[in-house]
Amino acid sequence: MSAGGAVPGPDGLARCPWGLEAETMADYRVYHDTEWGRPVHGDDALFERISLEAFQSGLSWLTILRRREGFRAAFADFKIAAVAEFTAADEQRLLGDSRIIRNRAKISAVVANARAAAELAAGELDELIWSHAPDPATRPAPRTFADVPAITPESTALARDLKKRGFRFVGPTTAYALMQACGLVDDHLADCHARGSGATRATLSGR
């Protein structure tokens, strides 16, 4: 992501620079405008985001975004109960699925995370994740992405709590990316047109 401030797009709307990196990345722009930073609730929906953030580790988010429908098809629409039942044979099958990132450790982590999530009561994963959302009043709007942290005390605590419950691939950096994507924090730049949209538009649930 660029370290610059918000810049105007072809439609005249100011956006975070990463939402305007190239005309060939219009899907990135749609994600920036309509999803990133909007509140996400629901155990299955949050499990999907945990899973995709784990797969993103070490890769471009655009790589994951463009394979999202393939991931959903491969992982039973990220229904916790269904993925928790995946077997070693399923994991081996997924290693041959070209629609996803074929990384054995990450595939195994998603299945393990589903089993960990299945041990929680309904709504508990949602409650656990959102309990780590900081008070917005304590977070001034970033002017550039140089003002956006990669790790915070809240993301460190979230990663710790998830790991206690058996989740994998949920370090503090991945946990903070999850917090950004799911609206626990609003890291749209101060002049970005999408800043504050999570407080004024419909909350995402499910997909």
N, C-alpha and C. Protein backbone atom coordinates (compact mmCIF):
# COMPACT_ATOMS: atom_id res chain seq x y z
N MET A 1 0.83 -1.19 0.00
CA MET A 1 0.00 0.00 0.00
C MET A 1 0.88 1.25 0.00
N SER A 2 0.46 2.25 -0.73
CA SER A 2 1.21 3.48 -0.79
C SER A 2 1.19 4.19 0.55
N ALA A 3 2.26 5.00 0.83
CA ALA A 3 2.33 5.74 2.09
C ALA A 3 1.76 7.14 1.92
N GLY A 4 1.26 7.50 0.72
CA GLY A 4 0.75 8.83 0.50
C GLY A 4 -0.63 9.05 1.07
N GLY A 5 -1.12 10.30 0.94
CA GLY A 5 -2.46 10.62 1.41
C GLY A 5 -3.51 10.21 0.39
N ALA A 6 -4.77 10.52 0.71
CA ALA A 6 -5.87 10.19 -0.19
C ALA A 6 -5.69 10.92 -1.51
N VAL A 7 -6.05 10.26 -2.61
CA VAL A 7 -5.91 10.84 -3.94
C VAL A 7 -7.22 10.69 -4.70
N PRO A 8 -7.53 11.63 -5.60
CA PRO A 8 -8.78 11.54 -6.35
C PRO A 8 -8.71 10.47 -7.43
N GLY A 9 -9.82 9.75 -7.60
CA GLY A 9 -9.91 8.76 -8.64
C GLY A 9 -10.53 9.32 -9.90
N PRO A 10 -10.76 8.50 -10.91
CA PRO A 10 -11.36 8.95 -12.16
C PRO A 10 -12.74 9.57 -11.97
N ASP A 11 -13.44 9.15 -10.90
CA ASP A 11 -14.76 9.68 -10.62
C ASP A 11 -14.73 10.91 -9.72
N GLY A 12 -13.53 11.37 -9.39
CA GLY A 12 -13.38 12.56 -8.57
C GLY A 12 -13.41 12.30 -7.07
N LEU A 13 -13.69 11.07 -6.65
CA LEU A 13 -13.73 10.74 -5.23
C LEU A 13 -12.33 10.47 -4.70
N ALA A 14 -12.02 11.04 -3.56
CA ALA A 14 -10.72 10.80 -2.94
C ALA A 14 -10.71 9.43 -2.27
N ARG A 15 -9.65 8.69 -2.49
CA ARG A 15 -9.53 7.34 -1.93
C ARG A 15 -8.14 7.13 -1.35
N CYS A 16 -8.04 6.12 -0.48
CA CYS A 16 -6.75 5.65 -0.04
C CYS A 16 -5.97 5.21 -1.29
N PRO A 17 -4.69 5.53 -1.40
CA PRO A 17 -3.95 5.23 -2.64
C PRO A 17 -4.02 3.77 -3.07
N TRP A 18 -4.08 2.84 -2.12
CA TRP A 18 -4.08 1.43 -2.51
C TRP A 18 -5.35 1.05 -3.27
N GLY A 19 -6.40 1.85 -3.15
CA GLY A 19 -7.63 1.58 -3.90
C GLY A 19 -7.59 2.11 -5.32
N LEU A 20 -6.47 2.74 -5.70
CA LEU A 20 -6.36 3.36 -7.03
C LEU A 20 -5.04 3.04 -7.72
N GLU A 21 -4.44 1.91 -7.36
CA GLU A 21 -3.09 1.67 -7.83
C GLU A 21 -2.99 1.46 -9.34
N ALA A 22 -4.03 0.92 -9.94
CA ALA A 22 -3.98 0.70 -11.39
C ALA A 22 -5.41 0.49 -11.91
N GLU A 23 -5.64 0.91 -13.13
CA GLU A 23 -6.97 0.74 -13.70
C GLU A 23 -7.33 -0.73 -13.84
N THR A 24 -6.31 -1.58 -13.96
CA THR A 24 -6.56 -3.01 -14.09
C THR A 24 -6.96 -3.64 -12.76
N MET A 25 -6.94 -2.85 -11.68
CA MET A 25 -7.27 -3.37 -10.36
C MET A 25 -8.59 -2.78 -9.87
N ALA A 26 -9.57 -2.69 -10.77
CA ALA A 26 -10.86 -2.12 -10.40
C ALA A 26 -11.52 -2.93 -9.28
N ASP A 27 -11.24 -4.25 -9.23
CA ASP A 27 -11.81 -5.06 -8.17
C ASP A 27 -11.26 -4.64 -6.81
N TYR A 28 -10.02 -4.18 -6.78
CA TYR A 28 -9.44 -3.65 -5.55
C TYR A 28 -10.19 -2.39 -5.12
N ARG A 29 -10.55 -1.55 -6.09
CA ARG A 29 -11.25 -0.31 -5.80
C ARG A 29 -12.64 -0.59 -5.23
N VAL A 30 -13.32 -1.56 -5.81
CA VAL A 30 -14.65 -1.93 -5.29
C VAL A 30 -14.53 -2.45 -3.87
N TYR A 31 -13.52 -3.28 -3.62
CA TYR A 31 -13.31 -3.80 -2.27
C TYR A 31 -13.05 -2.65 -1.30
N HIS A 32 -12.20 -1.71 -1.69
CA HIS A 32 -11.92 -0.55 -0.86
C HIS A 32 -13.18 0.25 -0.56
N ASP A 33 -14.00 0.47 -1.59
CA ASP A 33 -15.18 1.34 -1.45
C ASP A 33 -16.32 0.68 -0.69
N THR A 34 -16.47 -0.63 -0.81
CA THR A 34 -17.69 -1.27 -0.32
C THR A 34 -17.49 -2.28 0.80
N GLU A 35 -16.26 -2.71 1.06
CA GLU A 35 -16.05 -3.74 2.08
C GLU A 35 -15.05 -3.36 3.16
N TRP A 36 -13.85 -2.97 2.75
CA TRP A 36 -12.78 -2.77 3.72
C TRP A 36 -13.16 -1.70 4.75
N GLY A 37 -13.08 -2.07 6.00
CA GLY A 37 -13.42 -1.13 7.07
C GLY A 37 -14.87 -1.11 7.47
N ARG A 38 -15.72 -1.86 6.76
CA ARG A 38 -17.14 -1.95 7.16
C ARG A 38 -17.30 -3.04 8.21
N PRO A 39 -18.14 -2.82 9.21
CA PRO A 39 -18.32 -3.84 10.25
C PRO A 39 -18.84 -5.17 9.70
N VAL A 40 -18.19 -6.24 10.09
CA VAL A 40 -18.58 -7.60 9.73
C VAL A 40 -18.93 -8.34 11.02
N HIS A 41 -20.10 -8.94 11.05
CA HIS A 41 -20.53 -9.73 12.20
C HIS A 41 -21.00 -11.10 11.72
N GLY A 42 -21.04 -12.04 12.66
CA GLY A 42 -21.47 -13.40 12.35
C GLY A 42 -20.29 -14.34 12.41
N ASP A 43 -20.44 -15.46 13.11
CA ASP A 43 -19.32 -16.39 13.28
C ASP A 43 -18.76 -16.88 11.96
N ASP A 44 -19.63 -17.32 11.04
CA ASP A 44 -19.15 -17.84 9.76
C ASP A 44 -18.46 -16.75 8.94
N ALA A 45 -19.05 -15.55 8.94
CA ALA A 45 -18.47 -14.46 8.18
C ALA A 45 -17.09 -14.10 8.71
N LEU A 46 -16.94 -14.07 10.01
CA LEU A 46 -15.64 -13.75 10.60
C LEU A 46 -14.65 -14.89 10.42
N PHE A 47 -15.14 -16.12 10.46
CA PHE A 47 -14.26 -17.26 10.17
C PHE A 47 -13.72 -17.16 8.75
N GLU A 48 -14.56 -16.77 7.81
CA GLU A 48 -14.07 -16.58 6.44
C GLU A 48 -12.95 -15.56 6.40
N ARG A 49 -13.13 -14.43 7.08
CA ARG A 49 -12.11 -13.39 7.05
C ARG A 49 -10.82 -13.85 7.73
N ILE A 50 -10.94 -14.58 8.85
CA ILE A 50 -9.75 -15.14 9.50
C ILE A 50 -9.01 -16.05 8.52
N SER A 51 -9.76 -16.88 7.81
CA SER A 51 -9.17 -17.83 6.88
C SER A 51 -8.47 -17.12 5.73
N LEU A 52 -9.13 -16.14 5.15
CA LEU A 52 -8.53 -15.43 4.02
C LEU A 52 -7.32 -14.62 4.44
N GLU A 53 -7.37 -14.02 5.63
CA GLU A 53 -6.20 -13.29 6.11
C GLU A 53 -5.03 -14.24 6.33
N ALA A 54 -5.31 -15.45 6.80
CA ALA A 54 -4.24 -16.44 6.98
C ALA A 54 -3.62 -16.80 5.63
N PHE A 55 -4.45 -17.01 4.62
CA PHE A 55 -3.93 -17.32 3.29
C PHE A 55 -3.16 -16.14 2.71
N GLN A 56 -3.54 -14.92 3.08
CA GLN A 56 -2.88 -13.74 2.54
C GLN A 56 -1.46 -13.58 3.07
N SER A 57 -1.16 -14.15 4.22
CA SER A 57 0.15 -13.97 4.84
C SER A 57 1.27 -14.21 3.84
N GLY A 58 2.08 -13.18 3.60
CA GLY A 58 3.19 -13.28 2.66
C GLY A 58 2.83 -13.03 1.22
N LEU A 59 1.56 -12.76 0.95
CA LEU A 59 1.09 -12.54 -0.42
C LEU A 59 0.35 -11.21 -0.52
N SER A 60 0.06 -10.79 -1.75
CA SER A 60 -0.78 -9.61 -1.97
C SER A 60 -2.24 -9.94 -1.65
N TRP A 61 -2.94 -9.00 -1.03
CA TRP A 61 -4.35 -9.22 -0.77
C TRP A 61 -5.12 -9.37 -2.07
N LEU A 62 -4.68 -8.70 -3.12
CA LEU A 62 -5.36 -8.82 -4.41
C LEU A 62 -5.34 -10.27 -4.90
N THR A 63 -4.26 -10.98 -4.63
CA THR A 63 -4.17 -12.39 -5.00
C THR A 63 -5.30 -13.19 -4.35
N ILE A 64 -5.57 -12.89 -3.10
CA ILE A 64 -6.63 -13.59 -2.36
C ILE A 64 -8.00 -13.13 -2.83
N LEU A 65 -8.14 -11.83 -3.00
CA LEU A 65 -9.44 -11.26 -3.39
C LEU A 65 -9.93 -11.87 -4.70
N ARG A 66 -9.04 -12.03 -5.65
CA ARG A 66 -9.43 -12.55 -6.96
C ARG A 66 -9.72 -14.05 -6.94
N ARG A 67 -9.36 -14.72 -5.84
CA ARG A 67 -9.66 -16.14 -5.70
C ARG A 67 -10.75 -16.40 -4.66
N ARG A 68 -11.40 -15.36 -4.19
CA ARG A 68 -12.32 -15.52 -3.07
C ARG A 68 -13.45 -16.49 -3.37
N GLU A 69 -14.04 -16.41 -4.55
CA GLU A 69 -15.12 -17.34 -4.87
C GLU A 69 -14.60 -18.78 -4.93
N GLY A 70 -13.37 -18.95 -5.41
CA GLY A 70 -12.78 -20.28 -5.41
C GLY A 70 -12.56 -20.80 -4.00
N PHE A 71 -12.10 -19.91 -3.13
CA PHE A 71 -11.93 -20.29 -1.72
C PHE A 71 -13.28 -20.70 -1.11
N ARG A 72 -14.30 -19.93 -1.40
CA ARG A 72 -15.62 -20.24 -0.84
C ARG A 72 -16.11 -21.60 -1.32
N ALA A 73 -15.91 -21.87 -2.58
CA ALA A 73 -16.34 -23.17 -3.11
C ALA A 73 -15.54 -24.31 -2.50
N ALA A 74 -14.24 -24.10 -2.34
CA ALA A 74 -13.37 -25.15 -1.82
C ALA A 74 -13.60 -25.42 -0.34
N PHE A 75 -13.96 -24.38 0.41
CA PHE A 75 -14.11 -24.50 1.85
C PHE A 75 -15.58 -24.39 2.30
N ALA A 76 -16.46 -25.01 1.54
CA ALA A 76 -17.87 -25.14 1.94
C ALA A 76 -18.48 -23.82 2.38
N ASP A 77 -18.18 -22.78 1.61
CA ASP A 77 -18.72 -21.45 1.88
C ASP A 77 -18.32 -20.94 3.25
N PHE A 78 -17.23 -21.49 3.78
CA PHE A 78 -16.70 -21.12 5.09
C PHE A 78 -17.73 -21.28 6.21
N LYS A 79 -18.55 -22.30 6.08
CA LYS A 79 -19.45 -22.67 7.18
C LYS A 79 -18.61 -23.43 8.21
N ILE A 80 -18.54 -22.92 9.40
CA ILE A 80 -17.68 -23.51 10.42
C ILE A 80 -17.98 -24.99 10.63
N ALA A 81 -19.24 -25.32 10.78
CA ALA A 81 -19.62 -26.71 11.07
C ALA A 81 -19.18 -27.65 9.96
N ALA A 82 -19.25 -27.19 8.72
CA ALA A 82 -18.87 -28.04 7.59
C ALA A 82 -17.36 -28.21 7.50
N VAL A 83 -16.61 -27.12 7.62
CA VAL A 83 -15.15 -27.21 7.50
C VAL A 83 -14.55 -27.99 8.67
N ALA A 84 -15.19 -27.90 9.83
CA ALA A 84 -14.70 -28.65 10.99
C ALA A 84 -14.73 -30.15 10.76
N GLU A 85 -15.55 -30.60 9.80
CA GLU A 85 -15.66 -32.02 9.49
C GLU A 85 -14.70 -32.47 8.39
N PHE A 86 -13.92 -31.54 7.84
CA PHE A 86 -12.97 -31.92 6.80
C PHE A 86 -11.97 -32.95 7.34
N THR A 87 -11.61 -33.88 6.49
CA THR A 87 -10.68 -34.95 6.86
C THR A 87 -9.31 -34.71 6.23
N ALA A 88 -8.38 -35.60 6.56
CA ALA A 88 -7.06 -35.54 5.92
C ALA A 88 -7.18 -35.69 4.42
N ALA A 89 -8.14 -36.49 3.98
CA ALA A 89 -8.37 -36.66 2.53
C ALA A 89 -8.84 -35.35 1.91
N ASP A 90 -9.68 -34.61 2.62
CA ASP A 90 -10.13 -33.32 2.12
C ASP A 90 -8.95 -32.36 2.00
N GLU A 91 -8.08 -32.36 2.99
CA GLU A 91 -6.91 -31.48 2.94
C GLU A 91 -6.02 -31.85 1.75
N GLN A 92 -5.86 -33.13 1.51
CA GLN A 92 -5.06 -33.56 0.36
C GLN A 92 -5.72 -33.14 -0.94
N ARG A 93 -7.04 -33.25 -1.01
CA ARG A 93 -7.78 -32.82 -2.20
C ARG A 93 -7.58 -31.33 -2.44
N LEU A 94 -7.59 -30.53 -1.38
CA LEU A 94 -7.44 -29.09 -1.52
C LEU A 94 -6.06 -28.70 -2.03
N LEU A 95 -5.07 -29.54 -1.76
CA LEU A 95 -3.73 -29.26 -2.27
C LEU A 95 -3.67 -29.33 -3.79
N GLY A 96 -4.66 -29.97 -4.39
CA GLY A 96 -4.73 -30.05 -5.84
C GLY A 96 -5.74 -29.10 -6.46
N ASP A 97 -6.33 -28.24 -5.66
CA ASP A 97 -7.38 -27.33 -6.13
C ASP A 97 -6.76 -26.01 -6.60
N SER A 98 -6.76 -25.79 -7.89
CA SER A 98 -6.10 -24.61 -8.46
C SER A 98 -6.86 -23.32 -8.18
N ARG A 99 -8.05 -23.40 -7.62
CA ARG A 99 -8.82 -22.18 -7.33
C ARG A 99 -8.32 -21.47 -6.10
N ILE A 100 -7.49 -22.12 -5.29
CA ILE A 100 -7.03 -21.55 -4.04
C ILE A 100 -5.50 -21.49 -4.02
N ILE A 101 -4.96 -20.96 -2.93
CA ILE A 101 -3.52 -21.01 -2.71
C ILE A 101 -3.20 -22.36 -2.09
N ARG A 102 -2.42 -23.15 -2.80
CA ARG A 102 -2.19 -24.54 -2.36
C ARG A 102 -0.99 -24.61 -1.42
N ASN A 103 -1.23 -24.22 -0.20
CA ASN A 103 -0.21 -24.22 0.84
C ASN A 103 -0.67 -25.16 1.95
N ARG A 104 0.07 -26.22 2.17
CA ARG A 104 -0.37 -27.26 3.10
C ARG A 104 -0.59 -26.71 4.51
N ALA A 105 0.34 -25.89 5.00
CA ALA A 105 0.22 -25.37 6.36
C ALA A 105 -1.02 -24.49 6.51
N LYS A 106 -1.30 -23.68 5.50
CA LYS A 106 -2.45 -22.77 5.59
C LYS A 106 -3.76 -23.54 5.46
N ILE A 107 -3.80 -24.53 4.60
CA ILE A 107 -5.00 -25.36 4.47
C ILE A 107 -5.28 -26.06 5.79
N SER A 108 -4.25 -26.64 6.38
CA SER A 108 -4.42 -27.33 7.67
C SER A 108 -4.86 -26.36 8.75
N ALA A 109 -4.34 -25.13 8.70
CA ALA A 109 -4.71 -24.13 9.70
C ALA A 109 -6.19 -23.78 9.60
N VAL A 110 -6.72 -23.65 8.39
CA VAL A 110 -8.13 -23.32 8.23
C VAL A 110 -9.01 -24.42 8.81
N VAL A 111 -8.65 -25.66 8.56
CA VAL A 111 -9.44 -26.77 9.10
C VAL A 111 -9.33 -26.79 10.63
N ALA A 112 -8.13 -26.61 11.14
CA ALA A 112 -7.94 -26.57 12.59
C ALA A 112 -8.70 -25.41 13.22
N ASN A 113 -8.71 -24.27 12.54
CA ASN A 113 -9.42 -23.11 13.06
C ASN A 113 -10.93 -23.33 13.07
N ALA A 114 -11.42 -24.05 12.06
CA ALA A 114 -12.85 -24.38 12.04
C ALA A 114 -13.21 -25.26 13.24
N ARG A 115 -12.34 -26.21 13.54
CA ARG A 115 -12.60 -27.09 14.68
C ARG A 115 -12.54 -26.30 15.99
N ALA A 116 -11.60 -25.35 16.08
CA ALA A 116 -11.53 -24.51 17.27
C ALA A 116 -12.78 -23.64 17.39
N ALA A 117 -13.24 -23.09 16.27
CA ALA A 117 -14.44 -22.25 16.29
C ALA A 117 -15.67 -23.06 16.62
N ALA A 118 -15.71 -24.31 16.17
CA ALA A 118 -16.87 -25.17 16.43
C ALA A 118 -17.00 -25.50 17.91
N GLU A 119 -15.92 -25.36 18.66
CA GLU A 119 -15.95 -25.61 20.10
C GLU A 119 -16.58 -24.45 20.87
N LEU A 120 -16.71 -23.31 20.21
CA LEU A 120 -17.26 -22.12 20.86
C LEU A 120 -18.79 -22.12 20.75
N ALA A 121 -19.43 -21.45 21.66
CA ALA A 121 -20.88 -21.30 21.60
C ALA A 121 -21.25 -20.38 20.44
N ALA A 122 -22.49 -20.49 19.98
CA ALA A 122 -22.97 -19.63 18.89
C ALA A 122 -22.79 -18.16 19.29
N GLY A 123 -22.18 -17.39 18.41
CA GLY A 123 -21.97 -15.98 18.67
C GLY A 123 -20.73 -15.66 19.48
N GLU A 124 -20.07 -16.68 20.00
CA GLU A 124 -18.91 -16.44 20.87
C GLU A 124 -17.71 -15.93 20.08
N LEU A 125 -17.51 -16.45 18.86
CA LEU A 125 -16.39 -15.97 18.06
C LEU A 125 -16.58 -14.49 17.72
N ASP A 126 -17.78 -14.13 17.34
CA ASP A 126 -18.10 -12.73 17.05
C ASP A 126 -17.83 -11.87 18.28
N GLU A 127 -18.33 -12.31 19.43
CA GLU A 127 -18.16 -11.54 20.66
C GLU A 127 -16.68 -11.41 21.03
N LEU A 128 -15.94 -12.51 20.89
CA LEU A 128 -14.51 -12.50 21.22
C LEU A 128 -13.76 -11.49 20.36
N ILE A 129 -13.97 -11.56 19.05
CA ILE A 129 -13.25 -10.65 18.15
C ILE A 129 -13.61 -9.21 18.42
N TRP A 130 -14.90 -8.93 18.51
CA TRP A 130 -15.33 -7.54 18.68
C TRP A 130 -15.01 -6.97 20.05
N SER A 131 -14.73 -7.82 21.02
CA SER A 131 -14.35 -7.33 22.35
C SER A 131 -13.01 -6.61 22.31
N HIS A 132 -12.26 -6.81 21.22
CA HIS A 132 -10.95 -6.18 21.10
C HIS A 132 -10.98 -4.91 20.24
N ALA A 133 -12.15 -4.47 19.83
CA ALA A 133 -12.25 -3.23 19.06
C ALA A 133 -11.92 -2.05 19.97
N PRO A 134 -10.97 -1.19 19.58
CA PRO A 134 -10.63 -0.05 20.43
C PRO A 134 -11.69 1.04 20.36
N ASP A 135 -11.66 1.92 21.31
CA ASP A 135 -12.55 3.08 21.32
C ASP A 135 -12.15 4.00 20.17
N PRO A 136 -13.06 4.27 19.22
CA PRO A 136 -12.70 5.12 18.08
C PRO A 136 -12.18 6.49 18.51
N ALA A 137 -12.62 6.97 19.66
CA ALA A 137 -12.20 8.29 20.12
C ALA A 137 -10.71 8.34 20.44
N THR A 138 -10.11 7.18 20.65
CA THR A 138 -8.67 7.13 20.97
C THR A 138 -7.81 7.01 19.72
N ARG A 139 -8.45 6.97 18.54
CA ARG A 139 -7.70 6.75 17.30
C ARG A 139 -7.94 7.91 16.33
N PRO A 140 -7.01 8.86 16.25
CA PRO A 140 -7.17 9.95 15.28
C PRO A 140 -7.13 9.41 13.86
N ALA A 141 -7.84 10.05 12.97
CA ALA A 141 -7.86 9.61 11.57
C ALA A 141 -6.47 9.74 10.97
N PRO A 142 -5.98 8.68 10.33
CA PRO A 142 -4.65 8.76 9.71
C PRO A 142 -4.68 9.69 8.50
N ARG A 143 -3.62 10.48 8.36
CA ARG A 143 -3.51 11.36 7.19
C ARG A 143 -2.86 10.64 6.01
N THR A 144 -1.92 9.76 6.30
CA THR A 144 -1.26 8.94 5.29
C THR A 144 -1.14 7.53 5.86
N PHE A 145 -0.78 6.57 5.01
CA PHE A 145 -0.63 5.21 5.50
C PHE A 145 0.62 5.04 6.36
N ALA A 146 1.49 6.05 6.38
CA ALA A 146 2.59 6.03 7.32
C ALA A 146 2.07 6.16 8.75
N ASP A 147 0.86 6.68 8.90
CA ASP A 147 0.25 6.83 10.23
C ASP A 147 -0.49 5.58 10.68
N VAL A 148 -0.59 4.58 9.82
CA VAL A 148 -1.35 3.37 10.13
C VAL A 148 -0.41 2.30 10.68
N PRO A 149 -0.67 1.80 11.87
CA PRO A 149 0.22 0.78 12.44
C PRO A 149 0.02 -0.57 11.78
N ALA A 150 1.00 -1.45 11.97
CA ALA A 150 0.89 -2.83 11.51
C ALA A 150 0.44 -3.74 12.64
N ILE A 151 0.74 -3.33 13.86
CA ILE A 151 0.39 -4.09 15.06
C ILE A 151 -0.04 -3.10 16.13
N THR A 152 -1.02 -3.46 16.92
CA THR A 152 -1.46 -2.62 18.04
C THR A 152 -1.59 -3.49 19.29
N PRO A 153 -1.70 -2.88 20.45
CA PRO A 153 -1.94 -3.69 21.66
C PRO A 153 -3.21 -4.54 21.54
N GLU A 154 -4.23 -3.98 20.87
CA GLU A 154 -5.48 -4.72 20.71
C GLU A 154 -5.30 -5.93 19.80
N SER A 155 -4.54 -5.76 18.71
CA SER A 155 -4.35 -6.90 17.80
C SER A 155 -3.48 -7.97 18.46
N THR A 156 -2.53 -7.54 19.28
CA THR A 156 -1.70 -8.50 20.01
C THR A 156 -2.55 -9.30 20.98
N ALA A 157 -3.46 -8.61 21.67
CA ALA A 157 -4.35 -9.30 22.61
C ALA A 157 -5.32 -10.23 21.89
N LEU A 158 -5.83 -9.79 20.73
CA LEU A 158 -6.74 -10.63 19.95
C LEU A 158 -6.03 -11.88 19.48
N ALA A 159 -4.82 -11.73 18.96
CA ALA A 159 -4.05 -12.89 18.51
C ALA A 159 -3.82 -13.86 19.66
N ARG A 160 -3.50 -13.32 20.82
CA ARG A 160 -3.26 -14.17 21.98
C ARG A 160 -4.51 -14.94 22.38
N ASP A 161 -5.66 -14.25 22.37
CA ASP A 161 -6.90 -14.91 22.77
C ASP A 161 -7.33 -15.98 21.76
N LEU A 162 -7.13 -15.71 20.49
CA LEU A 162 -7.46 -16.71 19.47
C LEU A 162 -6.55 -17.93 19.59
N LYS A 163 -5.27 -17.68 19.81
CA LYS A 163 -4.32 -18.80 19.94
C LYS A 163 -4.65 -19.65 21.17
N LYS A 164 -5.10 -19.01 22.25
CA LYS A 164 -5.50 -19.76 23.45
C LYS A 164 -6.61 -20.75 23.13
N ARG A 165 -7.43 -20.40 22.16
CA ARG A 165 -8.56 -21.25 21.78
C ARG A 165 -8.22 -22.21 20.65
N GLY A 166 -6.96 -22.27 20.28
CA GLY A 166 -6.53 -23.25 19.29
C GLY A 166 -6.40 -22.76 17.88
N PHE A 167 -6.55 -21.46 17.64
CA PHE A 167 -6.45 -20.92 16.28
C PHE A 167 -4.98 -20.80 15.87
N ARG A 168 -4.75 -21.01 14.57
CA ARG A 168 -3.41 -20.90 14.00
C ARG A 168 -3.36 -19.77 12.97
N PHE A 169 -2.14 -19.37 12.62
CA PHE A 169 -1.92 -18.29 11.63
C PHE A 169 -2.68 -17.03 12.03
N VAL A 170 -2.63 -16.69 13.31
CA VAL A 170 -3.33 -15.50 13.79
C VAL A 170 -2.38 -14.67 14.67
N GLY A 171 -1.21 -14.33 14.10
CA GLY A 171 -0.30 -13.46 14.82
C GLY A 171 -0.82 -12.04 14.89
N PRO A 172 -0.16 -11.16 15.63
CA PRO A 172 -0.63 -9.78 15.81
C PRO A 172 -0.82 -9.00 14.51
N THR A 173 0.07 -9.23 13.53
CA THR A 173 -0.07 -8.51 12.26
C THR A 173 -1.30 -8.99 11.49
N THR A 174 -1.49 -10.30 11.42
CA THR A 174 -2.67 -10.86 10.76
C THR A 174 -3.93 -10.44 11.50
N ALA A 175 -3.87 -10.42 12.82
CA ALA A 175 -5.04 -10.01 13.62
C ALA A 175 -5.38 -8.55 13.34
N TYR A 176 -4.35 -7.70 13.15
CA TYR A 176 -4.66 -6.30 12.87
C TYR A 176 -5.25 -6.14 11.47
N ALA A 177 -4.75 -6.89 10.51
CA ALA A 177 -5.35 -6.85 9.17
C ALA A 177 -6.81 -7.27 9.23
N LEU A 178 -7.11 -8.27 10.06
CA LEU A 178 -8.50 -8.69 10.26
C LEU A 178 -9.32 -7.55 10.86
N MET A 179 -8.77 -6.87 11.85
CA MET A 179 -9.48 -5.76 12.48
C MET A 179 -9.77 -4.64 11.49
N GLN A 180 -8.81 -4.36 10.62
CA GLN A 180 -9.01 -3.34 9.59
C GLN A 180 -10.11 -3.76 8.61
N ALA A 181 -10.02 -5.00 8.12
CA ALA A 181 -10.94 -5.47 7.09
C ALA A 181 -12.36 -5.56 7.61
N CYS A 182 -12.51 -5.90 8.88
CA CYS A 182 -13.85 -6.17 9.45
C CYS A 182 -14.42 -5.00 10.22
N GLY A 183 -13.77 -3.84 10.14
CA GLY A 183 -14.37 -2.64 10.71
C GLY A 183 -14.18 -2.44 12.19
N LEU A 184 -13.33 -3.23 12.84
CA LEU A 184 -13.06 -2.98 14.25
C LEU A 184 -12.31 -1.67 14.42
N VAL A 185 -11.56 -1.31 13.38
CA VAL A 185 -10.92 0.00 13.30
C VAL A 185 -11.24 0.58 11.93
N ASP A 186 -11.19 1.90 11.85
CA ASP A 186 -11.41 2.58 10.56
C ASP A 186 -10.09 3.21 10.15
N ASP A 187 -9.36 2.53 9.27
CA ASP A 187 -8.07 3.04 8.82
C ASP A 187 -8.13 3.65 7.43
N HIS A 188 -9.34 3.95 6.94
CA HIS A 188 -9.41 4.80 5.75
C HIS A 188 -8.80 6.15 6.11
N LEU A 189 -8.08 6.74 5.19
CA LEU A 189 -7.42 8.01 5.47
C LEU A 189 -8.43 9.11 5.73
N ALA A 190 -7.98 10.15 6.39
CA ALA A 190 -8.88 11.21 6.83
C ALA A 190 -9.67 11.81 5.68
N ASP A 191 -9.05 11.94 4.51
CA ASP A 191 -9.72 12.57 3.36
C ASP A 191 -10.37 11.57 2.42
N CYS A 192 -10.33 10.28 2.76
CA CYS A 192 -10.93 9.26 1.90
C CYS A 192 -12.44 9.31 2.00
N HIS A 193 -13.11 9.19 0.86
CA HIS A 193 -14.57 9.29 0.85
C HIS A 193 -15.23 8.15 1.62
N ALA A 194 -14.53 7.03 1.79
CA ALA A 194 -15.11 5.88 2.47
C ALA A 194 -14.93 5.93 3.98
N ARG A 195 -14.18 6.89 4.48
CA ARG A 195 -13.97 6.95 5.92
C ARG A 195 -15.30 7.21 6.63
N GLY A 196 -15.54 6.46 7.69
CA GLY A 196 -16.77 6.61 8.46
C GLY A 196 -17.95 5.87 7.89
N SER A 197 -17.77 5.19 6.74
CA SER A 197 -18.89 4.51 6.11
C SER A 197 -19.40 3.37 6.95
N GLY A 198 -18.55 2.78 7.78
CA GLY A 198 -18.98 1.67 8.62
C GLY A 198 -20.01 2.08 9.64
N ALA A 199 -20.01 3.36 10.03
CA ALA A 199 -20.95 3.83 11.03
C ALA A 199 -22.27 4.26 10.43
N THR A 200 -22.32 4.41 9.10
CA THR A 200 -23.51 4.99 8.50
C THR A 200 -24.21 4.06 7.51
N ARG A 201 -23.55 2.96 7.16
CA ARG A 201 -24.14 2.07 6.16
C ARG A 201 -24.41 0.71 6.77
N ALA A 202 -25.13 -0.13 6.06
CA ALA A 202 -25.56 -1.41 6.60
C ALA A 202 -24.38 -2.28 6.96
N THR A 203 -24.49 -2.96 8.10
CA THR A 203 -23.47 -3.90 8.54
C THR A 203 -23.50 -5.13 7.67
N LEU A 204 -22.31 -5.61 7.27
CA LEU A 204 -22.24 -6.85 6.51
C LEU A 204 -22.44 -8.02 7.43
N SER A 205 -23.12 -9.01 6.98
CA SER A 205 -23.22 -10.28 7.72
C SER A 205 -23.21 -11.38 6.69
N GLY A 206 -22.76 -12.56 7.11
CA GLY A 206 -22.63 -13.63 6.12
C GLY A 206 -21.60 -13.22 5.09
N ARG A 207 -21.94 -13.36 3.83
CA ARG A 207 -20.98 -13.01 2.76
C ARG A 207 -21.16 -11.55 2.40
